[in-house]
Amino acid sequence: MKRIISIALSLLFVTAALLPLTSVSAADGNILDLQPDGTVVFVPNFNGEAGIYEPGLLSGSPQVDVDPTNPNTITVQTTKNKTASYWGGFIETLPLNERTCYTIYYTVSRTGNHSVGVYADSVYGAYGYPNKIKLMNKGSSLTGHDYVQFSAVSDTIYSTTDTPSVQEYALEVNGVNCTTATYIKDNTGNYLLVDQGIEGQIPYFMADVLGLFFYSYYSGHVVTISDCYVVKGLSFGEVVYPEPTTAPETTEAPATTAAPETTKAPETTAAPETDAPTEAAQPEATKAPAVDTKPEEPAKKSGCGAVISGSAIIATAILAVPVFVRRKRK
C-alpha cells in the first residue's frame, strides 16, 4: 500500500515540475504592452528570419529579388501579365487583434507608370500607381472605395508618369475598429490621408498576427520597395473605442400593502370554581422480577472499508494528473 501511495505522489510532483515548461506562441502574449505607441517594432529582413518573418510565394508568379547589399530592399514584378501575384509572410511576433494597431511604412521607387500593392494580411491593403491609390480587398477595391487621385488630395504631392519617381507611403492597420487607411508623404514632408475605411467594411482580418505581403498584377511593372518598417499604434489616425455598455436602470418595486389587522378573539367567561375531588390513595406497584440480561456485543468491523478508501484516494490522485498539449496556430 505504501508503495502505491508513493508512486501516485511522485506522479503529481513530476506533473507540477513540468507546468512552467509549457509555452504558447509569442503572438498570444502581451509583449507589446510595455512599448509606447510610435515605437518601431519590426524591420523586415526579406531574406527571412526563422520563427519571425519567413516570406515566400503565396500565389501567382511573382519575381522578387532581394538586394544583396540591403536585405530591407526588394524588387517586385509578376512574370505573367494580368496575374494576381502575392509574395510575403506573417510577422509572428506582432499579434493582430481587437487590442492592437500598427502603421506600415514603405518607400516605392518606379521608372514609369507602374503599380504595386502592400497588404496587411494577404487580403486587405492598398494598391496604386504614381498618381493614385486605393484600398483593396484581395484583387478588387474595398467596398465603397475606388482610386483616389493624389491631385484631388493636395497639390503638394509630387507624382509623375514619365520620369523616375520615389514616393513614401504609410498603411495603417487598425485592429480595434478593423479598418485600414493609406497615406502618402507630400513635398513638405507631411503624410497626407488619401483614403480610409469605415468600421464594418472589413468583417475581420485573416490572421491573428500582422502580415506583410506585396502584390503585382502587370508584367513589366518593375517596382522597388525599400525603407520598410512597422510602428506600434496608429501614427496619424484615431482609434474609436466602443462605448462600455451599462445595465438598464431598474424601476422601484411597488409599495407593499399592509396586512389587515386581526380581530380580537371574544373574551370567554370564566367557568365557576368547583372544589377538586380528594385524591384517592394509589395502590402500591408490584415489583417486577429481576432479569439478568446482558446487552448484545456489537459485530466486529471488517477491514474492507479502509482498503477501498485508500485505493480510491490513489486512483483519484493518478487520474488528477493533467495532460498538457501545446497549442499551435494554424
Protein backbone atom coordinates (compact mmCIF):
# COMPACT_ATOMS: atom_id res chain seq x y z
CA MET A 1 0.00 0.00 0.00
CA LYS A 2 2.77 2.46 0.93
CA ARG A 3 4.45 1.77 -2.39
CA ILE A 4 1.29 2.60 -4.38
CA ILE A 5 0.83 5.88 -2.49
CA SER A 6 4.49 6.75 -3.08
CA ILE A 7 4.14 6.19 -6.86
CA ALA A 8 0.99 8.37 -7.02
CA LEU A 9 2.66 11.24 -5.16
CA SER A 10 5.71 11.01 -7.43
CA LEU A 11 3.48 11.43 -10.49
CA LEU A 12 1.91 14.52 -9.00
CA PHE A 13 5.29 16.10 -8.23
CA VAL A 14 6.58 15.39 -11.75
CA THR A 15 3.47 17.00 -13.28
CA ALA A 16 3.88 20.09 -11.10
CA ALA A 17 7.51 20.39 -12.14
CA LEU A 18 6.55 20.34 -15.84
CA LEU A 19 3.97 23.14 -15.57
CA PRO A 20 6.45 26.05 -16.04
CA LEU A 21 7.78 24.37 -19.21
CA THR A 22 4.52 24.79 -21.19
CA SER A 23 4.62 27.70 -23.66
CA VAL A 24 2.48 29.44 -26.28
CA SER A 25 3.12 31.46 -29.40
CA ALA A 26 4.57 34.93 -28.93
CA ALA A 27 1.51 36.31 -30.71
CA ASP A 28 -0.68 35.22 -27.81
CA GLY A 29 1.11 37.23 -25.18
CA ASN A 30 1.17 40.90 -24.29
CA ILE A 31 4.75 41.52 -25.38
CA LEU A 32 3.85 44.94 -26.86
CA ASP A 33 2.18 46.32 -23.75
CA LEU A 34 5.43 47.76 -22.43
CA GLN A 35 6.19 49.57 -25.71
CA PRO A 36 4.69 53.05 -26.25
CA ASP A 37 2.89 53.94 -29.48
CA GLY A 38 5.31 55.16 -32.13
CA THR A 39 7.95 52.55 -31.31
CA VAL A 40 9.45 50.71 -34.28
CA VAL A 41 8.57 47.09 -33.54
CA PHE A 42 9.68 45.38 -36.75
CA VAL A 43 12.13 45.93 -39.61
CA PRO A 44 11.83 43.15 -42.20
CA ASN A 45 14.75 41.12 -43.44
CA PHE A 46 13.36 39.99 -46.79
CA ASN A 47 15.77 37.06 -46.80
CA GLY A 48 13.67 35.74 -43.94
CA GLU A 49 14.18 35.04 -40.24
CA ALA A 50 13.10 31.68 -38.86
CA GLY A 51 10.15 31.94 -36.50
CA ILE A 52 9.80 35.69 -37.04
CA TYR A 53 9.22 36.52 -40.72
CA GLU A 54 9.61 33.96 -43.48
CA PRO A 55 8.37 35.50 -46.76
CA GLY A 56 7.71 33.43 -49.85
CA LEU A 57 5.33 32.71 -52.70
CA LEU A 58 1.65 32.97 -51.79
CA SER A 59 0.04 32.80 -55.25
CA GLY A 60 0.61 33.75 -58.87
CA SER A 61 4.02 34.09 -60.46
CA PRO A 62 5.87 36.93 -58.75
CA GLN A 63 9.55 37.56 -59.24
CA VAL A 64 11.06 39.05 -56.12
CA ASP A 65 14.75 39.89 -55.86
CA VAL A 66 16.34 40.85 -52.55
CA ASP A 67 19.05 43.48 -52.74
CA PRO A 68 22.31 41.64 -51.87
CA THR A 69 23.64 44.73 -50.10
CA ASN A 70 20.45 45.57 -48.20
CA PRO A 71 18.02 42.83 -47.07
CA ASN A 72 15.37 45.51 -46.43
CA THR A 73 15.10 46.29 -50.17
CA ILE A 74 13.37 44.17 -52.83
CA THR A 75 12.38 44.45 -56.47
CA VAL A 76 8.89 43.11 -57.29
CA GLN A 77 7.17 42.22 -60.57
CA THR A 78 4.98 39.45 -61.98
CA THR A 79 6.29 37.26 -64.79
CA LYS A 80 2.82 36.67 -66.31
CA ASN A 81 0.70 39.62 -67.39
CA LYS A 82 -2.58 40.21 -65.53
CA THR A 83 -1.76 37.60 -62.91
CA ALA A 84 -2.54 38.28 -59.27
CA SER A 85 0.85 37.58 -57.71
CA TYR A 86 1.37 37.70 -53.96
CA TRP A 87 4.67 37.34 -52.10
CA GLY A 88 5.36 37.86 -48.39
CA GLY A 89 4.63 36.37 -44.99
CA PHE A 90 3.29 36.84 -41.49
CA ILE A 91 5.16 38.59 -38.70
CA GLU A 92 4.88 36.05 -35.89
CA THR A 93 5.88 38.49 -33.15
CA LEU A 94 3.12 41.06 -33.83
CA PRO A 95 -0.38 39.96 -32.73
CA LEU A 96 -3.28 41.41 -34.72
CA ASN A 97 -6.47 41.53 -32.67
CA GLU A 98 -9.05 43.87 -31.14
CA ARG A 99 -6.37 45.46 -28.92
CA THR A 100 -3.56 46.16 -31.44
CA CYS A 101 -2.90 48.75 -34.15
CA TYR A 102 0.09 49.26 -36.47
CA THR A 103 1.45 51.58 -39.15
CA ILE A 104 3.47 50.04 -42.01
CA TYR A 105 5.90 52.46 -43.66
CA TYR A 106 7.45 51.79 -47.06
CA THR A 107 9.10 53.62 -49.96
CA VAL A 108 8.25 52.86 -53.61
CA SER A 109 10.64 53.61 -56.49
CA ARG A 110 9.42 53.36 -60.09
CA THR A 111 10.79 54.04 -63.54
CA GLY A 112 7.36 54.60 -65.07
CA ASN A 113 3.61 54.29 -64.51
CA HIS A 114 4.00 51.05 -62.59
CA SER A 115 1.70 49.62 -59.92
CA VAL A 116 2.26 47.71 -56.69
CA GLY A 117 0.22 46.67 -53.67
CA VAL A 118 1.10 46.30 -49.99
CA TYR A 119 -1.16 44.10 -47.84
CA ALA A 120 -1.52 43.67 -44.08
CA ASP A 121 -2.87 40.11 -44.06
CA SER A 122 -2.76 38.87 -47.69
CA VAL A 123 -6.34 40.14 -48.22
CA TYR A 124 -6.66 43.77 -47.12
CA GLY A 125 -4.24 46.51 -48.09
CA ALA A 126 -3.59 49.29 -50.65
CA TYR A 127 -2.67 49.22 -54.35
CA GLY A 128 -1.64 52.11 -56.54
CA TYR A 129 0.34 53.99 -59.18
CA PRO A 130 2.46 57.15 -59.03
CA ASN A 131 -0.67 59.33 -59.30
CA LYS A 132 -3.38 57.36 -57.47
CA ILE A 133 -4.04 54.63 -54.90
CA LYS A 134 -7.00 52.68 -53.50
CA LEU A 135 -7.86 50.40 -50.58
CA MET A 136 -8.10 46.75 -51.53
CA ASN A 137 -9.96 43.52 -50.72
CA LYS A 138 -7.81 40.88 -52.44
CA GLY A 139 -7.65 41.84 -56.15
CA SER A 140 -10.61 44.25 -56.03
CA SER A 141 -11.39 47.58 -54.46
CA LEU A 142 -12.61 47.58 -50.89
CA THR A 143 -16.38 48.05 -50.98
CA GLY A 144 -17.18 51.73 -51.49
CA HIS A 145 -13.59 52.69 -52.32
CA ASP A 146 -12.06 53.32 -55.73
CA TYR A 147 -8.88 55.06 -56.86
CA VAL A 148 -8.22 58.42 -55.25
CA GLN A 149 -6.16 60.79 -57.37
CA PHE A 150 -3.33 62.47 -55.49
CA SER A 151 -4.17 65.73 -57.25
CA ALA A 152 -7.56 65.64 -55.51
CA VAL A 153 -5.88 65.35 -52.12
CA SER A 154 -3.29 68.13 -52.41
CA ASP A 155 -1.16 69.89 -55.00
CA THR A 156 1.86 69.36 -52.72
CA ILE A 157 2.08 65.65 -53.65
CA TYR A 158 4.69 65.08 -56.32
CA SER A 159 3.78 62.41 -58.86
CA THR A 160 4.80 61.73 -62.41
CA THR A 161 4.43 59.01 -65.00
CA ASP A 162 7.26 59.86 -67.36
CA THR A 163 10.27 60.30 -65.06
CA PRO A 164 11.65 58.17 -62.22
CA SER A 165 9.71 58.74 -59.01
CA VAL A 166 10.27 57.91 -55.36
CA GLN A 167 7.27 58.08 -53.04
CA GLU A 168 6.87 57.34 -49.33
CA TYR A 169 3.68 55.69 -48.08
CA ALA A 170 2.11 54.54 -44.84
CA LEU A 171 -0.59 51.91 -44.34
CA GLU A 172 -2.45 51.96 -41.03
CA VAL A 173 -3.91 48.71 -39.75
CA ASN A 174 -6.50 49.29 -37.02
CA GLY A 175 -7.25 46.07 -35.16
CA VAL A 176 -9.63 47.75 -32.70
CA ASN A 177 -12.02 49.04 -35.39
CA CYS A 178 -10.97 46.53 -38.08
CA THR A 179 -10.13 49.21 -40.67
CA THR A 180 -7.26 50.29 -42.94
CA ALA A 181 -6.08 53.71 -44.13
CA THR A 182 -3.46 54.79 -46.68
CA TYR A 183 -1.25 57.89 -46.57
CA ILE A 184 1.41 59.49 -48.79
CA LYS A 185 4.17 61.93 -47.88
CA ASP A 186 3.95 65.23 -49.73
CA ASN A 187 6.70 67.61 -50.87
CA THR A 188 6.74 69.37 -47.49
CA GLY A 189 7.49 66.19 -45.56
CA ASN A 190 3.98 65.65 -44.16
CA TYR A 191 1.95 62.47 -44.54
CA LEU A 192 -1.47 63.19 -46.02
CA LEU A 193 -4.51 60.94 -45.73
CA VAL A 194 -5.56 59.62 -49.14
CA ASP A 195 -8.35 57.24 -48.12
CA GLN A 196 -9.58 55.35 -45.07
CA GLY A 197 -12.10 52.60 -44.46
CA ILE A 198 -15.00 52.71 -42.07
CA GLU A 199 -15.91 50.21 -39.41
CA GLY A 200 -17.90 47.27 -40.75
CA GLN A 201 -16.43 47.14 -44.28
CA ILE A 202 -13.86 44.59 -43.13
CA PRO A 203 -15.57 41.84 -41.11
CA TYR A 204 -12.27 40.60 -39.64
CA PHE A 205 -8.60 40.32 -40.53
CA MET A 206 -7.48 36.98 -41.92
CA ALA A 207 -4.88 36.08 -39.28
CA ASP A 208 -4.12 36.58 -35.61
CA VAL A 209 -0.76 38.15 -36.46
CA LEU A 210 0.16 41.05 -38.74
CA GLY A 211 1.37 40.23 -42.23
CA LEU A 212 3.49 42.00 -44.83
CA PHE A 213 2.68 40.99 -48.41
CA PHE A 214 3.37 42.54 -51.82
CA TYR A 215 1.07 42.37 -54.83
CA SER A 216 1.86 42.69 -58.52
CA TYR A 217 -0.53 42.32 -61.48
CA TYR A 218 1.00 43.53 -64.74
CA SER A 219 4.23 42.17 -66.25
CA GLY A 220 6.83 44.82 -66.90
CA HIS A 221 5.79 46.80 -63.82
CA VAL A 222 9.11 46.66 -62.00
CA VAL A 223 8.88 48.32 -58.59
CA THR A 224 11.43 48.62 -55.79
CA ILE A 225 10.33 48.55 -52.14
CA SER A 226 12.74 49.95 -49.55
CA ASP A 227 12.91 51.60 -46.10
CA CYS A 228 10.16 49.31 -44.82
CA TYR A 229 9.32 49.09 -41.11
CA VAL A 230 6.38 48.71 -38.74
CA VAL A 231 5.45 51.07 -35.90
CA LYS A 232 3.20 50.23 -32.98
CA GLY A 233 -0.08 52.16 -32.98
CA LEU A 234 -1.71 54.49 -35.50
CA SER A 235 0.69 57.26 -36.50
CA PHE A 236 -1.99 59.59 -37.88
CA GLY A 237 -5.47 58.17 -37.42
CA GLU A 238 -7.58 57.79 -34.30
CA VAL A 239 -8.83 54.67 -32.59
CA VAL A 240 -12.53 54.76 -31.74
CA TYR A 241 -13.03 52.58 -28.71
CA PRO A 242 -16.50 51.07 -28.27
CA GLU A 243 -18.59 52.67 -25.55
CA PRO A 244 -19.00 50.46 -22.49
CA THR A 245 -22.49 49.10 -22.11
CA THR A 246 -24.34 49.91 -18.88
CA ALA A 247 -27.05 47.83 -17.31
CA PRO A 248 -30.56 49.35 -17.63
CA GLU A 249 -31.87 51.15 -14.57
CA THR A 250 -34.30 49.11 -12.55
CA THR A 251 -37.69 50.57 -11.60
CA GLU A 252 -38.62 50.88 -7.96
CA ALA A 253 -40.52 47.95 -6.53
CA PRO A 254 -44.20 48.73 -5.79
CA ALA A 255 -45.00 49.52 -2.19
CA THR A 256 -46.22 46.51 -0.25
CA THR A 257 -49.74 46.65 1.17
CA ALA A 258 -50.10 46.40 4.91
CA ALA A 259 -51.64 43.20 6.21
CA PRO A 260 -55.19 43.66 7.57
CA GLU A 261 -55.50 43.93 11.33
CA THR A 262 -56.66 40.76 13.03
CA THR A 263 -59.83 40.89 15.09
CA LYS A 264 -59.58 40.11 18.74
CA ALA A 265 -60.96 36.81 19.91
CA PRO A 266 -64.11 37.22 22.04
CA GLU A 267 -63.49 37.14 25.75
CA THR A 268 -64.61 33.91 27.39
CA THR A 269 -66.35 33.88 30.74
CA ALA A 270 -64.55 32.00 33.45
CA ALA A 271 -66.08 28.69 34.49
CA PRO A 272 -67.43 28.60 38.04
CA GLU A 273 -64.96 27.33 40.56
CA THR A 274 -65.65 23.80 41.88
CA ASP A 275 -63.98 22.00 44.70
CA ALA A 276 -61.43 19.50 43.42
CA PRO A 277 -62.13 15.93 44.48
CA THR A 278 -59.90 14.45 47.11
CA GLU A 279 -57.07 12.30 45.61
CA ALA A 280 -57.59 8.62 46.17
CA ALA A 281 -54.70 6.66 47.53
CA GLN A 282 -52.85 4.79 44.80
CA PRO A 283 -52.18 1.07 45.27
CA GLU A 284 -48.56 0.10 45.66
CA ALA A 285 -46.92 -1.08 42.41
CA THR A 286 -45.73 -4.61 42.34
CA LYS A 287 -42.01 -5.07 41.78
CA ALA A 288 -41.01 -6.75 38.51
CA PRO A 289 -38.80 -9.77 38.92
CA ALA A 290 -35.13 -9.03 38.27
CA VAL A 291 -33.88 -10.40 34.96
CA ASP A 292 -30.19 -10.92 34.37
CA THR A 293 -29.95 -9.59 30.78
CA LYS A 294 -26.70 -8.59 29.07
CA PRO A 295 -26.52 -6.24 26.04
CA GLU A 296 -25.55 -7.91 22.82
CA GLU A 297 -21.97 -7.34 21.74
CA PRO A 298 -21.69 -5.26 18.50
CA ALA A 299 -20.44 -7.05 15.40
CA LYS A 300 -16.77 -6.52 14.69
CA LYS A 301 -15.86 -4.25 11.68
CA SER A 302 -14.05 -5.86 8.82
CA GLY A 303 -11.02 -4.06 7.23
CA CYS A 304 -12.56 -3.87 3.71
CA GLY A 305 -13.75 -0.28 4.01
CA ALA A 306 -10.30 1.03 4.86
CA VAL A 307 -8.73 -0.73 1.86
CA ILE A 308 -11.34 0.65 -0.56
CA SER A 309 -10.88 4.18 0.80
CA GLY A 310 -7.12 4.09 0.34
CA SER A 311 -7.39 2.69 -3.20
CA ALA A 312 -9.90 5.37 -4.14
CA ILE A 313 -7.56 8.09 -2.94
CA ILE A 314 -4.70 6.67 -5.02
CA ALA A 315 -6.87 6.29 -8.13
CA THR A 316 -8.12 9.84 -7.75
CA ALA A 317 -4.57 11.19 -7.39
CA ILE A 318 -3.44 9.33 -10.54
CA LEU A 319 -6.45 10.46 -12.58
CA ALA A 320 -5.91 14.03 -11.39
CA VAL A 321 -2.63 14.25 -13.32
CA PRO A 322 -3.44 16.63 -16.21
CA VAL A 323 -2.33 16.18 -19.82
CA PHE A 324 -0.75 19.24 -21.44
CA VAL A 325 -0.90 19.86 -25.17
CA ARG A 326 0.90 22.77 -26.73
CA ARG A 327 -1.42 24.87 -28.85
CA LYS A 328 -0.21 25.58 -32.36
CA ARG A 329 -1.54 28.37 -34.56
CA LYS A 330 -2.76 27.17 -37.91
